[in-house]
Amino acid sequence: RSCSCNEPQRQSPTPVMAVATAPVQQGMGQPSLQEQQALMGFQAFHSPNWQRVGMAELEQHPRMQIRQLRQWIEAFTGFERNNRYLIKDDQGNDKFFVQEGSTFFERNCCHGDCKAWRMDVFHLGPGGGLGQEFHNKTPFIHLERPFSLTLCCLNRPRVIVTDLNTGAQLGEIYEPFGCCRPFQLQVRSPTGQDVLHAEAHCCQLGLCCPLPCESMPCNKVDYPVLDAQTRHPVAHIQKQWQWGDFCQCYKEWDKFAVDFPGLNSEYKGILLATALSIQMRWFDKRNDPNSNPEQMESSCLSSLLSAALSS
């Protein structure tokens, strides 16, 4: 179905979780009101329609943060592993988890415009966090970046975003060809119509001279998101440099902030996918042709040695 930024914001889907309204008698073996609500929330989360709860949860937040999780094996060996991300709300609470599902060949042998990857977005539920029950959960959004033999304007990269609750395609993230405007992405509706446009100006300090210094212009790369028809801003994606972007031994890796007030859950889902596509396309270590496992391992070990000597 086609979507447009000018359409009125639809109401959030009604979550499956219910709240008990009848009075509860306290007694031996009788669960309290809080326990009943927690039990109903657990049952709703694992019911056949629980995937709708993920979209309803997504619609409640005007701003979210995406943080890549550190992986020690990748940091010390340089061999790419599947990326993992936590998506947090504005208060820092864990809400969603993203797991990449690429093969070893796709991660370590394919680079740039040609590489394929796929990701699934999971709803962490009321408690948040990655508990033991996480592996029993089912994703509610899927991202698929097919392998493509890209040459200039031919066969440009694209990412297909699917709502796993309905099986319908939410949209497509397309990277157009641009010699002087390399950092741009177009969001297309399932019918192929351009609906959103995200582009970073190539003269930003965060691209020319990136440094992980908070509150400094060189600490961020801005991607304003415009309505493709009216050219009015509707959202904003910001890459924030971390120490882990320069040496993977540090705790903080990639971090993105996504502001999308007033948009419905479908738009928010595809904008989160856009931020993940930006990270994979321009800020992932596997895109650096000058990096190899030996260089990365040497860089991490030298950083640890210098930190130990300074302390």
Protein backbone atom coordinates (compact mmCIF):
# COMPACT_ATOMS: atom_id res chain seq x y z
CA ARG A 1 0.00 0.00 0.00
CA SER A 2 1.14 3.54 -0.65
CA CYS A 3 1.87 5.91 2.19
CA SER A 4 2.46 9.63 2.26
CA CYS A 5 3.77 12.00 4.88
CA ASN A 6 0.77 14.28 4.30
CA GLU A 7 -1.78 11.69 5.40
CA PRO A 8 -3.26 12.14 8.88
CA GLN A 9 -1.55 10.26 11.64
CA ARG A 10 -3.35 7.04 12.31
CA GLN A 11 -4.16 5.93 15.82
CA SER A 12 -1.92 3.45 17.54
CA PRO A 13 -2.99 -0.18 17.27
CA THR A 14 -4.67 -1.29 20.45
CA PRO A 15 -2.15 -3.34 22.42
CA VAL A 16 -3.19 -6.85 23.31
CA MET A 17 -2.14 -6.34 26.89
CA ALA A 18 -5.10 -5.71 29.19
CA VAL A 19 -5.42 -4.33 32.69
CA ALA A 20 -7.71 -5.95 35.21
CA THR A 21 -10.60 -3.67 36.13
CA ALA A 22 -12.51 -5.89 38.56
CA PRO A 23 -11.50 -5.74 42.20
CA VAL A 24 -9.19 -8.53 43.27
CA GLN A 25 -9.65 -10.24 46.61
CA GLN A 26 -6.42 -10.82 48.44
CA GLY A 27 -6.01 -14.22 50.00
CA MET A 28 -3.93 -17.33 50.27
CA GLY A 29 -2.82 -18.34 46.76
CA GLN A 30 -4.62 -15.38 45.16
CA PRO A 31 -2.25 -13.29 42.96
CA SER A 32 -2.10 -9.58 43.60
CA LEU A 33 -3.27 -6.98 41.08
CA GLN A 34 0.33 -6.28 40.05
CA GLU A 35 1.01 -9.99 39.54
CA GLN A 36 -2.14 -10.39 37.44
CA GLN A 37 -1.21 -7.45 35.25
CA ALA A 38 2.32 -8.81 34.80
CA LEU A 39 0.90 -12.25 33.96
CA MET A 40 -1.52 -10.79 31.40
CA GLY A 41 1.30 -8.77 29.87
CA PHE A 42 3.43 -11.93 29.57
CA GLN A 43 0.56 -13.88 27.97
CA ALA A 44 -0.15 -11.07 25.51
CA PHE A 45 3.52 -10.81 24.62
CA HIS A 46 3.61 -14.51 23.67
CA SER A 47 0.17 -14.64 22.04
CA PRO A 48 -0.17 -15.02 18.23
CA ASN A 49 -0.83 -11.25 17.90
CA TRP A 50 2.04 -10.09 20.11
CA GLN A 51 3.93 -8.75 17.08
CA ARG A 52 1.38 -5.93 16.89
CA VAL A 53 2.56 -4.88 20.36
CA GLY A 54 5.96 -4.10 18.86
CA MET A 55 4.47 -1.67 16.34
CA ALA A 56 2.25 -0.14 19.05
CA GLU A 57 5.29 0.32 21.30
CA LEU A 58 7.20 1.94 18.45
CA GLU A 59 4.44 4.48 17.83
CA GLN A 60 4.60 5.76 21.41
CA HIS A 61 8.13 7.18 21.14
CA PRO A 62 9.01 10.45 19.35
CA ARG A 63 12.76 9.84 19.63
CA MET A 64 14.92 6.73 19.88
CA GLN A 65 18.60 5.84 20.12
CA ILE A 66 20.41 3.03 18.32
CA ARG A 67 23.56 1.66 19.97
CA GLN A 68 25.74 -1.09 18.53
CA LEU A 69 26.80 -3.71 21.08
CA ARG A 70 30.51 -4.41 21.51
CA GLN A 71 31.79 -7.88 20.57
CA TRP A 72 35.17 -8.85 21.99
CA ILE A 73 35.97 -11.52 19.39
CA GLU A 74 35.51 -9.01 16.58
CA ALA A 75 37.46 -6.34 18.46
CA PHE A 76 40.56 -8.49 18.99
CA THR A 77 40.59 -10.56 15.79
CA GLY A 78 39.18 -8.08 13.26
CA PHE A 79 36.96 -10.74 11.70
CA GLU A 80 33.47 -9.38 11.21
CA ARG A 81 30.67 -10.94 13.22
CA ASN A 82 26.96 -10.30 12.88
CA ASN A 83 26.17 -6.83 14.23
CA ARG A 84 23.84 -6.44 17.20
CA TYR A 85 22.07 -3.27 18.27
CA LEU A 86 19.94 -2.06 21.16
CA ILE A 87 17.24 0.50 20.43
CA LYS A 88 16.48 2.67 23.46
CA ASP A 89 13.85 5.29 24.19
CA ASP A 90 14.67 8.87 25.13
CA GLN A 91 15.11 7.88 28.80
CA GLY A 92 17.64 5.17 27.96
CA ASN A 93 15.31 2.19 28.48
CA ASP A 94 15.89 -0.83 26.24
CA LYS A 95 12.90 -1.31 23.91
CA PHE A 96 14.06 -3.25 20.85
CA PHE A 97 16.92 -5.49 19.83
CA VAL A 98 18.33 -5.83 16.30
CA GLN A 99 20.22 -8.94 15.16
CA GLU A 100 22.07 -9.21 11.86
CA GLY A 101 21.84 -12.59 10.09
CA SER A 102 24.51 -12.39 7.38
CA THR A 103 26.82 -15.27 6.42
CA PHE A 104 30.57 -15.33 7.03
CA PHE A 105 31.23 -14.83 3.32
CA GLU A 106 28.88 -11.83 3.12
CA ARG A 107 30.46 -10.16 6.14
CA ASN A 108 34.14 -10.71 5.38
CA CYS A 109 34.39 -11.01 1.60
CA CYS A 110 31.80 -8.56 0.21
CA HIS A 111 32.26 -4.81 0.60
CA GLY A 112 30.78 -1.51 -0.49
CA ASP A 113 27.81 -1.40 -2.85
CA CYS A 114 27.73 -5.15 -3.51
CA LYS A 115 27.45 -6.66 -0.03
CA ALA A 116 24.30 -8.38 1.15
CA TRP A 117 22.95 -8.38 4.70
CA ARG A 118 19.73 -8.93 6.60
CA MET A 119 18.45 -7.94 10.04
CA ASP A 120 15.53 -8.68 12.35
CA VAL A 121 14.04 -6.29 14.90
CA PHE A 122 12.74 -7.84 18.15
CA HIS A 123 10.48 -6.29 20.77
CA LEU A 124 12.01 -6.76 24.21
CA GLY A 125 8.71 -6.58 26.06
CA PRO A 126 7.74 -4.80 29.29
CA GLY A 127 10.89 -5.74 31.21
CA GLY A 128 13.38 -4.87 28.47
CA GLY A 129 16.90 -6.29 28.49
CA LEU A 130 18.26 -9.47 26.94
CA GLY A 131 17.18 -12.26 29.27
CA GLN A 132 17.34 -16.00 28.76
CA GLU A 133 13.88 -15.98 27.17
CA PHE A 134 15.05 -13.67 24.35
CA HIS A 135 15.82 -16.54 21.97
CA ASN A 136 12.16 -17.64 22.15
CA LYS A 137 10.93 -14.32 20.78
CA THR A 138 9.93 -13.65 17.20
CA PRO A 139 10.93 -10.52 15.23
CA PHE A 140 8.28 -8.09 14.01
CA ILE A 141 10.31 -6.18 11.37
CA HIS A 142 12.71 -7.66 8.82
CA LEU A 143 15.35 -5.84 6.74
CA GLU A 144 16.75 -7.49 3.62
CA ARG A 145 19.62 -6.02 1.61
CA PRO A 146 20.08 -8.31 -1.46
CA PHE A 147 23.45 -8.82 -3.12
CA SER A 148 23.84 -6.53 -6.15
CA LEU A 149 26.48 -6.04 -8.84
CA THR A 150 26.44 -2.23 -8.69
CA LEU A 151 28.21 -0.13 -11.30
CA CYS A 152 27.71 3.65 -11.19
CA CYS A 153 23.99 4.22 -11.81
CA LEU A 154 23.24 0.58 -12.65
CA ASN A 155 21.69 -1.83 -10.16
CA ARG A 156 21.84 0.52 -7.17
CA PRO A 157 21.66 -0.89 -3.60
CA ARG A 158 18.29 -1.20 -1.88
CA VAL A 159 16.96 -2.45 1.45
CA ILE A 160 13.50 -4.02 1.66
CA VAL A 161 11.63 -3.48 4.94
CA THR A 162 8.84 -5.92 5.83
CA ASP A 163 6.22 -5.92 8.60
CA LEU A 164 6.33 -9.54 9.80
CA ASN A 165 2.96 -9.20 11.57
CA THR A 166 1.10 -8.72 8.28
CA GLY A 167 3.73 -9.95 5.83
CA ALA A 168 3.34 -6.67 3.93
CA GLN A 169 6.24 -4.60 2.69
CA LEU A 170 6.57 -1.31 4.58
CA GLY A 171 8.78 0.23 1.93
CA GLU A 172 12.17 0.23 0.33
CA ILE A 173 15.35 2.20 1.09
CA TYR A 174 17.12 3.04 -2.16
CA GLU A 175 20.57 4.55 -2.62
CA PRO A 176 20.66 6.72 -5.77
CA PHE A 177 23.82 7.41 -7.70
CA GLY A 178 25.46 10.76 -7.01
CA CYS A 179 29.01 11.83 -7.79
CA CYS A 180 28.88 15.06 -5.77
CA ARG A 181 26.15 13.92 -3.34
CA PRO A 182 27.27 10.52 -2.11
CA PHE A 183 25.51 10.44 1.28
CA GLN A 184 21.84 10.20 0.33
CA LEU A 185 19.05 7.66 0.61
CA GLN A 186 15.51 7.60 -0.71
CA VAL A 187 12.60 5.92 1.08
CA ARG A 188 10.06 4.47 -1.34
CA SER A 189 6.56 3.17 -0.75
CA PRO A 190 5.67 -0.44 -1.66
CA THR A 191 4.41 0.92 -4.99
CA GLY A 192 7.78 2.49 -5.78
CA GLN A 193 6.87 6.13 -5.09
CA ASP A 194 9.49 8.33 -3.39
CA VAL A 195 8.09 9.46 -0.03
CA LEU A 196 11.15 10.48 2.05
CA HIS A 197 14.64 11.73 1.29
CA ALA A 198 17.61 11.60 3.72
CA GLU A 199 20.90 13.23 2.86
CA ALA A 200 24.02 14.34 4.74
CA HIS A 201 25.99 17.32 3.46
CA CYS A 202 29.49 16.13 2.57
CA CYS A 203 31.15 19.25 4.06
CA GLN A 204 30.12 18.55 7.66
CA LEU A 205 32.93 18.53 10.23
CA GLY A 206 31.73 15.14 11.41
CA LEU A 207 32.65 13.74 7.99
CA CYS A 208 35.77 15.80 7.27
CA CYS A 209 37.32 15.63 10.75
CA PRO A 210 35.40 13.15 12.95
CA LEU A 211 36.23 13.18 16.67
CA PRO A 212 34.39 11.60 19.64
CA CYS A 213 34.15 14.89 21.55
CA GLU A 214 30.70 15.51 22.99
CA SER A 215 28.89 18.77 22.17
CA MET A 216 31.40 19.57 19.42
CA PRO A 217 30.47 19.98 15.71
CA CYS A 218 32.97 17.27 14.76
CA ASN A 219 31.12 14.76 16.95
CA LYS A 220 28.05 14.34 14.74
CA VAL A 221 26.85 13.75 11.20
CA ASP A 222 23.33 15.05 10.48
CA TYR A 223 20.91 13.40 8.07
CA PRO A 224 17.79 15.59 7.81
CA VAL A 225 14.81 13.64 6.47
CA LEU A 226 12.52 15.54 4.09
CA ASP A 227 9.14 14.83 2.55
CA ALA A 228 9.97 13.89 -1.04
CA GLN A 229 7.04 15.92 -2.38
CA THR A 230 6.97 19.09 -0.26
CA ARG A 231 10.67 19.06 0.79
CA HIS A 232 9.60 19.89 4.35
CA PRO A 233 11.55 18.28 7.23
CA VAL A 234 9.66 15.44 8.89
CA ALA A 235 12.39 13.63 10.83
CA HIS A 236 16.09 13.74 11.67
CA ILE A 237 18.82 11.09 11.89
CA GLN A 238 22.12 11.88 13.58
CA LYS A 239 25.27 9.78 13.72
CA GLN A 240 27.22 10.47 16.94
CA TRP A 241 30.88 9.47 16.95
CA GLN A 242 32.07 7.25 19.80
CA TRP A 243 35.55 6.17 20.93
CA GLY A 244 34.73 2.67 19.72
CA ASP A 245 34.45 4.01 16.16
CA PHE A 246 38.21 4.60 16.22
CA CYS A 247 39.31 1.61 18.28
CA GLN A 248 36.93 -1.29 18.82
CA CYS A 249 38.38 -2.09 22.24
CA TYR A 250 36.42 0.81 23.73
CA LYS A 251 32.98 0.14 25.18
CA GLU A 252 30.87 2.54 23.13
CA TRP A 253 30.48 1.65 19.44
CA ASP A 254 28.17 3.18 16.82
CA LYS A 255 25.40 5.42 18.15
CA PHE A 256 22.52 7.02 16.25
CA ALA A 257 19.68 9.28 17.37
CA VAL A 258 16.44 9.22 15.37
CA ASP A 259 13.82 11.94 15.86
CA PHE A 260 10.43 11.24 14.26
CA PRO A 261 7.67 13.11 16.15
CA GLY A 262 4.15 12.90 14.76
CA LEU A 263 4.76 9.93 12.44
CA ASN A 264 2.95 6.61 12.59
CA SER A 265 4.57 3.29 13.46
CA GLU A 266 5.12 2.27 9.81
CA TYR A 267 7.12 5.42 9.12
CA LYS A 268 9.03 5.07 12.39
CA GLY A 269 9.89 1.47 11.56
CA ILE A 270 11.25 2.35 8.15
CA LEU A 271 13.19 5.34 9.57
CA LEU A 272 14.87 3.05 12.10
CA ALA A 273 15.71 0.82 9.14
CA THR A 274 17.10 3.89 7.34
CA ALA A 275 19.40 4.66 10.28
CA LEU A 276 20.61 1.04 10.31
CA SER A 277 21.18 1.23 6.55
CA ILE A 278 23.25 4.41 7.00
CA GLN A 279 25.38 2.67 9.61
CA MET A 280 25.91 -0.41 7.44
CA ARG A 281 26.59 1.58 4.28
CA TRP A 282 28.97 4.32 5.46
CA PHE A 283 30.07 3.70 9.05
CA ASP A 284 30.57 -0.05 9.37
CA LYS A 285 34.19 -1.25 9.66
CA ARG A 286 33.73 -3.83 6.91
CA ASN A 287 33.35 -0.98 4.38
CA ASP A 288 36.90 0.29 5.00
CA PRO A 289 39.13 -1.11 2.23
CA ASN A 290 42.25 -0.19 4.22
CA SER A 291 41.26 -2.25 7.22
CA ASN A 292 42.22 -5.89 7.64
CA PRO A 293 42.30 -8.22 10.65
CA GLU A 294 46.02 -7.74 11.27
CA GLN A 295 45.81 -3.94 11.25
CA MET A 296 42.74 -3.87 13.49
CA GLU A 297 44.24 -6.31 15.99
CA SER A 298 47.47 -4.30 16.13
CA SER A 299 45.52 -1.07 16.66
CA CYS A 300 43.48 -2.56 19.54
CA LEU A 301 46.50 -4.09 21.27
CA SER A 302 48.51 -0.87 20.97
CA SER A 303 45.59 1.11 22.44
CA LEU A 304 45.32 -1.26 25.40
CA LEU A 305 49.09 -1.11 25.97
CA SER A 306 49.15 2.70 25.90
CA ALA A 307 46.18 2.85 28.31
CA ALA A 308 47.95 0.47 30.71
CA LEU A 309 51.17 2.48 30.60
CA SER A 310 49.36 5.77 31.17
CA SER A 311 47.62 4.39 34.22
